């Protein structure tokens, strides 16, 4: 596949590009990318779409359930589901439908792609969805947990952190694992290849997520208000179990790039 000059790419994007081109050469058209929060997936994927002509990127974060749907889930299953992110809080059917639309589309078609407003914690109105050209040569789907394995025995174990301790009867964890074993595995089946960004450990993910929040809010390093720092510290705990599972290799087979705490490939 032809590619544009990649000399401007970051080391992480360059490493991912090499892996992606290898998969494309083997016939992969749908490639899923997983990496922990704050590692730089979205930035790297934006660079890859420039370097690989005819490619599009879909983000798992844009396919969250609406806030109203998550409130119902929180009411009916467990209050922790009001927080977006864990398995069960995504509209997996919509994502699968969108991938299928791109795969079947012609060059003259245009496809509206869902978008999520994280500040409002709500899916954007359909009139505000970006519209992308059809018939892409490569479809990338990036998200923090792409390819992770289900473990239906996980809810039987002790809580990993303070957030899991709130799941006294295991309903939150049980629902996540059931969803992972069902619709998320069907989503994983749509991929031709998986790429992974591996962090040195979960402890650095909190720091990355804090830096991400600082950038989003336009504040200097360490400048987040104490209450927002506390929010980030709690928020990231919702992701700990599955992040550690991914880093332990409990996931679909694929190629990986390992980075250090400074997000530099080793």
C-alpha atoms as a PDB file:
ATOM      1  CA  UNK A   1       0.000   0.000   0.000  1.00  0.00           C
ATOM      2  CA  UNK A   2       1.247   3.476  -0.858  1.00  0.00           C
ATOM      3  CA  UNK A   3       1.895   5.757   2.051  1.00  0.00           C
ATOM      4  CA  UNK A   4       2.721   9.407   2.483  1.00  0.00           C
ATOM      5  CA  UNK A   5       5.938  10.617   4.084  1.00  0.00           C
ATOM      6  CA  UNK A   6       5.938   9.592   7.741  1.00  0.00           C
ATOM      7  CA  UNK A   7       9.002  11.511   8.875  1.00  0.00           C
ATOM      8  CA  UNK A   8       6.813  13.814  10.998  1.00  0.00           C
ATOM      9  CA  UNK A   9       5.315  10.978  13.017  1.00  0.00           C
ATOM     10  CA  UNK A  10       5.987  10.467  16.706  1.00  0.00           C
ATOM     11  CA  UNK A  11       7.953   7.323  17.630  1.00  0.00           C
ATOM     12  CA  UNK A  12       4.733   5.646  18.823  1.00  0.00           C
ATOM     13  CA  UNK A  13       2.857   6.468  15.630  1.00  0.00           C
ATOM     14  CA  UNK A  14       5.814   5.311  13.534  1.00  0.00           C
ATOM     15  CA  UNK A  15       5.940   1.993  15.385  1.00  0.00           C
ATOM     16  CA  UNK A  16       2.198   1.488  14.962  1.00  0.00           C
ATOM     17  CA  UNK A  17       2.425   2.414  11.301  1.00  0.00           C
ATOM     18  CA  UNK A  18       4.995  -0.304  10.703  1.00  0.00           C
ATOM     19  CA  UNK A  19       2.756  -2.885  12.376  1.00  0.00           C
ATOM     20  CA  UNK A  20      -0.343  -1.670  10.537  1.00  0.00           C
ATOM     21  CA  UNK A  21       1.349  -1.778   7.138  1.00  0.00           C
ATOM     22  CA  UNK A  22       2.469  -5.320   7.866  1.00  0.00           C
ATOM     23  CA  UNK A  23      -1.110  -6.369   8.627  1.00  0.00           C
ATOM     24  CA  UNK A  24      -2.445  -4.563   5.562  1.00  0.00           C
ATOM     25  CA  UNK A  25       0.103  -6.334   3.385  1.00  0.00           C
ATOM     26  CA  UNK A  26      -1.324  -9.613   4.705  1.00  0.00           C
ATOM     27  CA  UNK A  27      -4.807  -8.583   3.630  1.00  0.00           C
ATOM     28  CA  UNK A  28      -6.228  -6.993   6.798  1.00  0.00           C
ATOM     29  CA  UNK A  29      -8.898  -4.416   6.120  1.00  0.00           C
ATOM     30  CA  UNK A  30     -10.378  -4.001   9.609  1.00  0.00           C
ATOM     31  CA  UNK A  31      -7.754  -3.400  12.314  1.00  0.00           C
ATOM     32  CA  UNK A  32      -8.538  -2.913  16.000  1.00  0.00           C
ATOM     33  CA  UNK A  33      -6.100  -0.987  18.222  1.00  0.00           C
ATOM     34  CA  UNK A  34      -6.109  -1.211  22.033  1.00  0.00           C
ATOM     35  CA  UNK A  35      -4.128   0.792  24.551  1.00  0.00           C
ATOM     36  CA  UNK A  36      -4.652   2.200  28.060  1.00  0.00           C
ATOM     37  CA  UNK A  37      -6.184   5.585  28.721  1.00  0.00           C
ATOM     38  CA  UNK A  38      -3.923   8.538  28.040  1.00  0.00           C
ATOM     39  CA  UNK A  39      -1.274   6.590  26.114  1.00  0.00           C
ATOM     40  CA  UNK A  40      -1.907   8.566  22.922  1.00  0.00           C
ATOM     41  CA  UNK A  41      -4.063   6.245  20.799  1.00  0.00           C
ATOM     42  CA  UNK A  42      -6.204   8.950  19.232  1.00  0.00           C
ATOM     43  CA  UNK A  43      -3.225  11.152  18.371  1.00  0.00           C
ATOM     44  CA  UNK A  44      -1.333   8.226  16.859  1.00  0.00           C
ATOM     45  CA  UNK A  45      -4.337   7.069  14.851  1.00  0.00           C
ATOM     46  CA  UNK A  46      -4.924  10.548  13.457  1.00  0.00           C
ATOM     47  CA  UNK A  47      -1.342  10.476  12.192  1.00  0.00           C
ATOM     48  CA  UNK A  48      -1.821   7.016  10.700  1.00  0.00           C
ATOM     49  CA  UNK A  49      -4.832   8.099   8.656  1.00  0.00           C
ATOM     50  CA  UNK A  50      -2.609  10.738   7.071  1.00  0.00           C
ATOM     51  CA  UNK A  51       0.174   8.245   6.410  1.00  0.00           C
ATOM     52  CA  UNK A  52      -2.131   5.532   5.027  1.00  0.00           C
ATOM     53  CA  UNK A  53      -4.308   6.921   2.228  1.00  0.00           C
ATOM     54  CA  UNK A  54      -7.856   5.637   2.119  1.00  0.00           C
ATOM     55  CA  UNK A  55      -8.097   4.829   5.825  1.00  0.00           C
ATOM     56  CA  UNK A  56     -10.692   5.841   8.413  1.00  0.00           C
ATOM     57  CA  UNK A  57     -10.656   5.666  12.212  1.00  0.00           C
ATOM     58  CA  UNK A  58     -13.603   4.887  14.450  1.00  0.00           C
ATOM     59  CA  UNK A  59     -13.234   5.452  18.188  1.00  0.00           C
ATOM     60  CA  UNK A  60     -14.911   3.180  20.734  1.00  0.00           C
ATOM     61  CA  UNK A  61     -15.433   6.267  22.905  1.00  0.00           C
ATOM     62  CA  UNK A  62     -17.811   7.702  20.300  1.00  0.00           C
ATOM     63  CA  UNK A  63     -20.132   4.726  20.661  1.00  0.00           C
ATOM     64  CA  UNK A  64     -21.127   5.092  24.297  1.00  0.00           C
ATOM     65  CA  UNK A  65     -24.760   4.573  25.188  1.00  0.00           C
ATOM     66  CA  UNK A  66     -26.627   7.823  25.671  1.00  0.00           C
ATOM     67  CA  UNK A  67     -26.661   9.229  29.172  1.00  0.00           C
ATOM     68  CA  UNK A  68     -30.316   8.271  29.516  1.00  0.00           C
ATOM     69  CA  UNK A  69     -29.561   4.675  28.561  1.00  0.00           C
ATOM     70  CA  UNK A  70     -26.734   4.521  31.087  1.00  0.00           C
ATOM     71  CA  UNK A  71     -28.963   5.928  33.815  1.00  0.00           C
ATOM     72  CA  UNK A  72     -31.427   3.109  33.137  1.00  0.00           C
ATOM     73  CA  UNK A  73     -28.553   0.608  33.256  1.00  0.00           C
ATOM     74  CA  UNK A  74     -27.394   2.112  36.547  1.00  0.00           C
ATOM     75  CA  UNK A  75     -30.914   1.809  37.941  1.00  0.00           C
ATOM     76  CA  UNK A  76     -31.552  -1.737  36.751  1.00  0.00           C
ATOM     77  CA  UNK A  77     -28.118  -3.353  37.215  1.00  0.00           C
ATOM     78  CA  UNK A  78     -25.779  -1.273  39.404  1.00  0.00           C
ATOM     79  CA  UNK A  79     -25.229   2.462  40.099  1.00  0.00           C
ATOM     80  CA  UNK A  80     -21.607   2.222  38.898  1.00  0.00           C
ATOM     81  CA  UNK A  81     -22.891   1.941  35.323  1.00  0.00           C
ATOM     82  CA  UNK A  82     -23.724   5.623  35.306  1.00  0.00           C
ATOM     83  CA  UNK A  83     -19.983   6.107  34.676  1.00  0.00           C
ATOM     84  CA  UNK A  84     -19.098   5.527  31.045  1.00  0.00           C
ATOM     85  CA  UNK A  85     -16.275   3.261  29.944  1.00  0.00           C
ATOM     86  CA  UNK A  86     -16.671  -0.315  31.210  1.00  0.00           C
ATOM     87  CA  UNK A  87     -18.157  -3.088  29.060  1.00  0.00           C
ATOM     88  CA  UNK A  88     -21.899  -2.664  28.883  1.00  0.00           C
ATOM     89  CA  UNK A  89     -21.787   1.139  28.489  1.00  0.00           C
ATOM     90  CA  UNK A  90     -21.232   1.040  24.714  1.00  0.00           C
ATOM     91  CA  UNK A  91     -23.705   0.758  21.866  1.00  0.00           C
ATOM     92  CA  UNK A  92     -21.905  -2.242  20.396  1.00  0.00           C
ATOM     93  CA  UNK A  93     -24.657  -2.895  17.855  1.00  0.00           C
ATOM     94  CA  UNK A  94     -24.269   0.628  16.471  1.00  0.00           C
ATOM     95  CA  UNK A  95     -20.500   0.218  16.170  1.00  0.00           C
ATOM     96  CA  UNK A  96     -20.869  -3.128  14.390  1.00  0.00           C
ATOM     97  CA  UNK A  97     -23.457  -1.603  12.063  1.00  0.00           C
ATOM     98  CA  UNK A  98     -21.117   1.311  11.279  1.00  0.00           C
ATOM     99  CA  UNK A  99     -18.207  -1.016  10.476  1.00  0.00           C
ATOM    100  CA  UNK A 100     -20.476  -3.066   8.221  1.00  0.00           C
ATOM    101  CA  UNK A 101     -21.672   0.088   6.436  1.00  0.00           C
ATOM    102  CA  UNK A 102     -18.099   1.101   5.659  1.00  0.00           C
ATOM    103  CA  UNK A 103     -17.203  -2.390   4.434  1.00  0.00           C
ATOM    104  CA  UNK A 104     -20.184  -2.461   2.060  1.00  0.00           C
ATOM    105  CA  UNK A 105     -20.017   1.172   0.940  1.00  0.00           C
ATOM    106  CA  UNK A 106     -19.120   2.551  -2.468  1.00  0.00           C
ATOM    107  CA  UNK A 107     -16.689   5.343  -3.227  1.00  0.00           C
ATOM    108  CA  UNK A 108     -19.516   7.797  -3.879  1.00  0.00           C
ATOM    109  CA  UNK A 109     -21.201   7.172  -0.524  1.00  0.00           C
ATOM    110  CA  UNK A 110     -20.894   9.255   2.608  1.00  0.00           C
ATOM    111  CA  UNK A 111     -21.392   7.761   6.080  1.00  0.00           C
ATOM    112  CA  UNK A 112     -22.288   9.686   9.234  1.00  0.00           C
ATOM    113  CA  UNK A 113     -20.250   8.503  12.220  1.00  0.00           C
ATOM    114  CA  UNK A 114     -21.500   8.906  15.815  1.00  0.00           C
ATOM    115  CA  UNK A 115     -19.691  11.389  18.035  1.00  0.00           C
ATOM    116  CA  UNK A 116     -19.704  11.659  21.826  1.00  0.00           C
ATOM    117  CA  UNK A 117     -19.356  14.885  23.799  1.00  0.00           C
ATOM    118  CA  UNK A 118     -17.344  13.920  26.886  1.00  0.00           C
ATOM    119  CA  UNK A 119     -17.794  17.327  28.494  1.00  0.00           C
ATOM    120  CA  UNK A 120     -21.571  16.939  28.321  1.00  0.00           C
ATOM    121  CA  UNK A 121     -21.314  13.175  28.927  1.00  0.00           C
ATOM    122  CA  UNK A 122     -23.747  12.645  26.070  1.00  0.00           C
ATOM    123  CA  UNK A 123     -23.846  11.483  22.454  1.00  0.00           C
ATOM    124  CA  UNK A 124     -23.940  14.423  20.079  1.00  0.00           C
ATOM    125  CA  UNK A 125     -27.094  15.024  18.028  1.00  0.00           C
ATOM    126  CA  UNK A 126     -27.030  13.154  14.721  1.00  0.00           C
ATOM    127  CA  UNK A 127     -26.924  16.441  12.817  1.00  0.00           C
ATOM    128  CA  UNK A 128     -23.472  17.049  14.365  1.00  0.00           C
ATOM    129  CA  UNK A 129     -21.954  13.676  13.457  1.00  0.00           C
ATOM    130  CA  UNK A 130     -18.933  13.839  11.131  1.00  0.00           C
ATOM    131  CA  UNK A 131     -19.496  12.461   7.641  1.00  0.00           C
ATOM    132  CA  UNK A 132     -16.745  10.317   6.113  1.00  0.00           C
ATOM    133  CA  UNK A 133     -16.181   9.001   2.598  1.00  0.00           C
ATOM    134  CA  UNK A 134     -17.172   5.431   1.880  1.00  0.00           C
ATOM    135  CA  UNK A 135     -15.161   2.526   0.471  1.00  0.00           C
ATOM    136  CA  UNK A 136     -12.120   2.960   2.753  1.00  0.00           C
ATOM    137  CA  UNK A 137      -9.157   0.715   2.077  1.00  0.00           C
ATOM    138  CA  UNK A 138      -8.568   0.291   5.823  1.00  0.00           C
ATOM    139  CA  UNK A 139     -10.918   0.679   8.791  1.00  0.00           C
ATOM    140  CA  UNK A 140      -9.204   1.272  12.146  1.00  0.00           C
ATOM    141  CA  UNK A 141     -11.193   0.979  15.376  1.00  0.00           C
ATOM    142  CA  UNK A 142      -9.396   2.243  18.469  1.00  0.00           C
ATOM    143  CA  UNK A 143     -10.359   1.886  22.098  1.00  0.00           C
ATOM    144  CA  UNK A 144      -8.917   1.112  25.505  1.00  0.00           C
ATOM    145  CA  UNK A 145     -10.184  -2.496  25.708  1.00  0.00           C
ATOM    146  CA  UNK A 146     -10.330  -3.785  22.137  1.00  0.00           C
ATOM    147  CA  UNK A 147      -9.697  -7.541  22.055  1.00  0.00           C
ATOM    148  CA  UNK A 148      -9.760  -8.166  25.815  1.00  0.00           C
ATOM    149  CA  UNK A 149     -10.871 -11.636  26.926  1.00  0.00           C
ATOM    150  CA  UNK A 150     -13.871 -12.302  29.142  1.00  0.00           C
ATOM    151  CA  UNK A 151     -13.464 -13.990  32.520  1.00  0.00           C
ATOM    152  CA  UNK A 152     -16.803 -15.124  33.919  1.00  0.00           C
ATOM    153  CA  UNK A 153     -15.106 -16.178  37.165  1.00  0.00           C
ATOM    154  CA  UNK A 154     -13.740 -12.679  37.875  1.00  0.00           C
ATOM    155  CA  UNK A 155     -16.714 -11.479  39.978  1.00  0.00           C
ATOM    156  CA  UNK A 156     -16.023 -14.284  42.462  1.00  0.00           C
ATOM    157  CA  UNK A 157     -12.665 -12.789  43.437  1.00  0.00           C
ATOM    158  CA  UNK A 158     -11.964  -9.959  45.891  1.00  0.00           C
ATOM    159  CA  UNK A 159     -12.240  -6.312  44.764  1.00  0.00           C
ATOM    160  CA  UNK A 160      -9.114  -4.752  43.282  1.00  0.00           C
ATOM    161  CA  UNK A 161      -9.804  -1.221  44.460  1.00  0.00           C
ATOM    162  CA  UNK A 162     -12.240   1.122  46.191  1.00  0.00           C
ATOM    163  CA  UNK A 163     -14.593   1.339  43.213  1.00  0.00           C
ATOM    164  CA  UNK A 164     -14.907  -2.434  42.943  1.00  0.00           C
ATOM    165  CA  UNK A 165     -15.542  -2.545  46.697  1.00  0.00           C
ATOM    166  CA  UNK A 166     -18.790  -0.662  46.034  1.00  0.00           C
ATOM    167  CA  UNK A 167     -19.922  -3.644  43.928  1.00  0.00           C
ATOM    168  CA  UNK A 168     -20.806  -5.615  47.042  1.00  0.00           C
ATOM    169  CA  UNK A 169     -22.860  -8.345  45.362  1.00  0.00           C
ATOM    170  CA  UNK A 170     -20.735  -8.489  42.194  1.00  0.00           C
ATOM    171  CA  UNK A 171     -23.552  -7.294  39.904  1.00  0.00           C
ATOM    172  CA  UNK A 172     -21.386  -4.660  38.181  1.00  0.00           C
ATOM    173  CA  UNK A 173     -18.537  -7.055  37.450  1.00  0.00           C
ATOM    174  CA  UNK A 174     -20.851  -9.911  36.483  1.00  0.00           C
ATOM    175  CA  UNK A 175     -22.685  -7.775  33.937  1.00  0.00           C
ATOM    176  CA  UNK A 176     -19.398  -6.560  32.433  1.00  0.00           C
ATOM    177  CA  UNK A 177     -18.063 -10.082  32.002  1.00  0.00           C
ATOM    178  CA  UNK A 178     -21.349 -11.303  30.519  1.00  0.00           C
ATOM    179  CA  UNK A 179     -21.281  -8.473  28.020  1.00  0.00           C
ATOM    180  CA  UNK A 180     -17.638  -9.192  27.203  1.00  0.00           C
ATOM    181  CA  UNK A 181     -18.419 -12.859  26.620  1.00  0.00           C
ATOM    182  CA  UNK A 182     -21.324 -11.937  24.343  1.00  0.00           C
ATOM    183  CA  UNK A 183     -21.652  -8.880  22.145  1.00  0.00           C
ATOM    184  CA  UNK A 184     -18.074  -7.648  22.591  1.00  0.00           C
ATOM    185  CA  UNK A 185     -16.670 -10.985  21.407  1.00  0.00           C
ATOM    186  CA  UNK A 186     -18.886 -10.697  18.323  1.00  0.00           C
ATOM    187  CA  UNK A 187     -17.421  -7.237  17.788  1.00  0.00           C
ATOM    188  CA  UNK A 188     -13.874  -8.593  18.152  1.00  0.00           C
ATOM    189  CA  UNK A 189     -14.768 -11.199  15.502  1.00  0.00           C
ATOM    190  CA  UNK A 190     -15.156  -8.390  12.958  1.00  0.00           C
ATOM    191  CA  UNK A 191     -11.444  -7.537  13.148  1.00  0.00           C
ATOM    192  CA  UNK A 192      -8.924  -8.908  10.690  1.00  0.00           C
ATOM    193  CA  UNK A 193      -6.058  -7.974  13.020  1.00  0.00           C
ATOM    194  CA  UNK A 194      -5.337  -6.539  16.472  1.00  0.00           C
ATOM    195  CA  UNK A 195      -2.627  -4.096  17.493  1.00  0.00           C
ATOM    196  CA  UNK A 196      -1.812  -3.345  21.135  1.00  0.00           C
ATOM    197  CA  UNK A 197       0.029  -0.591  22.980  1.00  0.00           C
ATOM    198  CA  UNK A 198       1.389  -2.067  26.202  1.00  0.00           C
ATOM    199  CA  UNK A 199       2.146   0.165  29.193  1.00  0.00           C
ATOM    200  CA  UNK A 200       4.762  -0.688  31.854  1.00  0.00           C
ATOM    201  CA  UNK A 201       1.930  -1.116  34.366  1.00  0.00           C
ATOM    202  CA  UNK A 202      -1.383   0.254  35.556  1.00  0.00           C
ATOM    203  CA  UNK A 203       0.298   2.691  37.923  1.00  0.00           C
ATOM    204  CA  UNK A 204       1.391   4.937  35.041  1.00  0.00           C
ATOM    205  CA  UNK A 205      -2.104   5.033  33.545  1.00  0.00           C
ATOM    206  CA  UNK A 206      -3.352   7.296  36.338  1.00  0.00           C
ATOM    207  CA  UNK A 207      -0.531   9.745  35.595  1.00  0.00           C
ATOM    208  CA  UNK A 208      -1.303   9.656  31.864  1.00  0.00           C
ATOM    209  CA  UNK A 209      -5.005  10.198  32.466  1.00  0.00           C
ATOM    210  CA  UNK A 210      -4.217  13.119  34.789  1.00  0.00           C
ATOM    211  CA  UNK A 211      -2.006  14.668  32.084  1.00  0.00           C
ATOM    212  CA  UNK A 212      -4.780  14.126  29.548  1.00  0.00           C
ATOM    213  CA  UNK A 213      -7.221  15.965  31.803  1.00  0.00           C
ATOM    214  CA  UNK A 214      -4.769  18.845  32.226  1.00  0.00           C
ATOM    215  CA  UNK A 215      -4.385  19.147  28.461  1.00  0.00           C
ATOM    216  CA  UNK A 216      -8.128  18.994  27.871  1.00  0.00           C
ATOM    217  CA  UNK A 217      -8.743  21.743  30.425  1.00  0.00           C
ATOM    218  CA  UNK A 218      -5.758  23.836  29.334  1.00  0.00           C
ATOM    219  CA  UNK A 219      -4.029  23.916  32.707  1.00  0.00           C
ATOM    220  CA  UNK A 220      -0.341  23.587  33.553  1.00  0.00           C
ATOM    221  CA  UNK A 221       1.050  20.272  34.825  1.00  0.00           C
ATOM    222  CA  UNK A 222      -0.147  19.791  38.385  1.00  0.00           C
ATOM    223  CA  UNK A 223      -2.658  22.596  37.964  1.00  0.00           C
ATOM    224  CA  UNK A 224      -5.878  20.624  38.196  1.00  0.00           C
ATOM    225  CA  UNK A 225      -8.081  21.577  41.156  1.00  0.00           C
ATOM    226  CA  UNK A 226      -7.975  19.048  43.974  1.00  0.00           C
ATOM    227  CA  UNK A 227     -11.550  17.926  43.362  1.00  0.00           C
ATOM    228  CA  UNK A 228     -10.815  17.218  39.701  1.00  0.00           C
ATOM    229  CA  UNK A 229      -7.689  15.273  40.605  1.00  0.00           C
ATOM    230  CA  UNK A 230      -9.807  13.193  42.963  1.00  0.00           C
ATOM    231  CA  UNK A 231     -12.342  12.629  40.177  1.00  0.00           C
ATOM    232  CA  UNK A 232      -9.649  11.359  37.787  1.00  0.00           C
ATOM    233  CA  UNK A 233      -8.145   9.121  40.480  1.00  0.00           C
ATOM    234  CA  UNK A 234     -11.532   7.512  41.089  1.00  0.00           C
ATOM    235  CA  UNK A 235     -12.542   7.398  37.415  1.00  0.00           C
ATOM    236  CA  UNK A 236      -9.481   5.411  36.371  1.00  0.00           C
ATOM    237  CA  UNK A 237     -10.260   2.691  38.917  1.00  0.00           C
ATOM    238  CA  UNK A 238     -13.254   1.650  36.807  1.00  0.00           C
ATOM    239  CA  UNK A 239     -10.725   0.482  34.194  1.00  0.00           C
ATOM    240  CA  UNK A 240      -8.111  -1.223  36.345  1.00  0.00           C
ATOM    241  CA  UNK A 241      -9.175  -4.864  36.134  1.00  0.00           C
ATOM    242  CA  UNK A 242      -9.475  -5.023  32.354  1.00  0.00           C
ATOM    243  CA  UNK A 243      -6.400  -2.868  31.742  1.00  0.00           C
ATOM    244  CA  UNK A 244      -4.326  -5.267  33.828  1.00  0.00           C
ATOM    245  CA  UNK A 245      -5.930  -8.204  32.039  1.00  0.00           C
ATOM    246  CA  UNK A 246      -4.920  -6.787  28.668  1.00  0.00           C
ATOM    247  CA  UNK A 247      -1.376  -6.122  29.852  1.00  0.00           C
ATOM    248  CA  UNK A 248      -1.185  -9.722  31.089  1.00  0.00           C
ATOM    249  CA  UNK A 249      -1.894 -10.907  27.544  1.00  0.00           C
ATOM    250  CA  UNK A 250      -5.456 -12.113  28.126  1.00  0.00           C
ATOM    251  CA  UNK A 251      -6.674 -10.881  24.750  1.00  0.00           C
ATOM    252  CA  UNK A 252      -7.067 -11.736  21.093  1.00  0.00           C
ATOM    253  CA  UNK A 253      -3.779 -12.548  19.334  1.00  0.00           C
ATOM    254  CA  UNK A 254      -2.053  -9.563  17.770  1.00  0.00           C
ATOM    255  CA  UNK A 255       1.116  -7.524  17.466  1.00  0.00           C
ATOM    256  CA  UNK A 256       2.139  -5.030  20.136  1.00  0.00           C
ATOM    257  CA  UNK A 257       4.253  -1.979  20.854  1.00  0.00           C
ATOM    258  CA  UNK A 258       5.574  -1.607  24.416  1.00  0.00           C
ATOM    259  CA  UNK A 259       6.073   1.927  25.705  1.00  0.00           C
ATOM    260  CA  UNK A 260       7.723   3.351  28.814  1.00  0.00           C
ATOM    261  CA  UNK A 261       6.150   5.788  31.259  1.00  0.00           C
ATOM    262  CA  UNK A 262       7.049   8.621  28.875  1.00  0.00           C
ATOM    263  CA  UNK A 263       5.026   6.863  26.113  1.00  0.00           C
ATOM    264  CA  UNK A 264       8.167   6.108  24.146  1.00  0.00           C
ATOM    265  CA  UNK A 265       8.460   2.708  22.416  1.00  0.00           C
ATOM    266  CA  UNK A 266      11.115   0.457  23.873  1.00  0.00           C
END
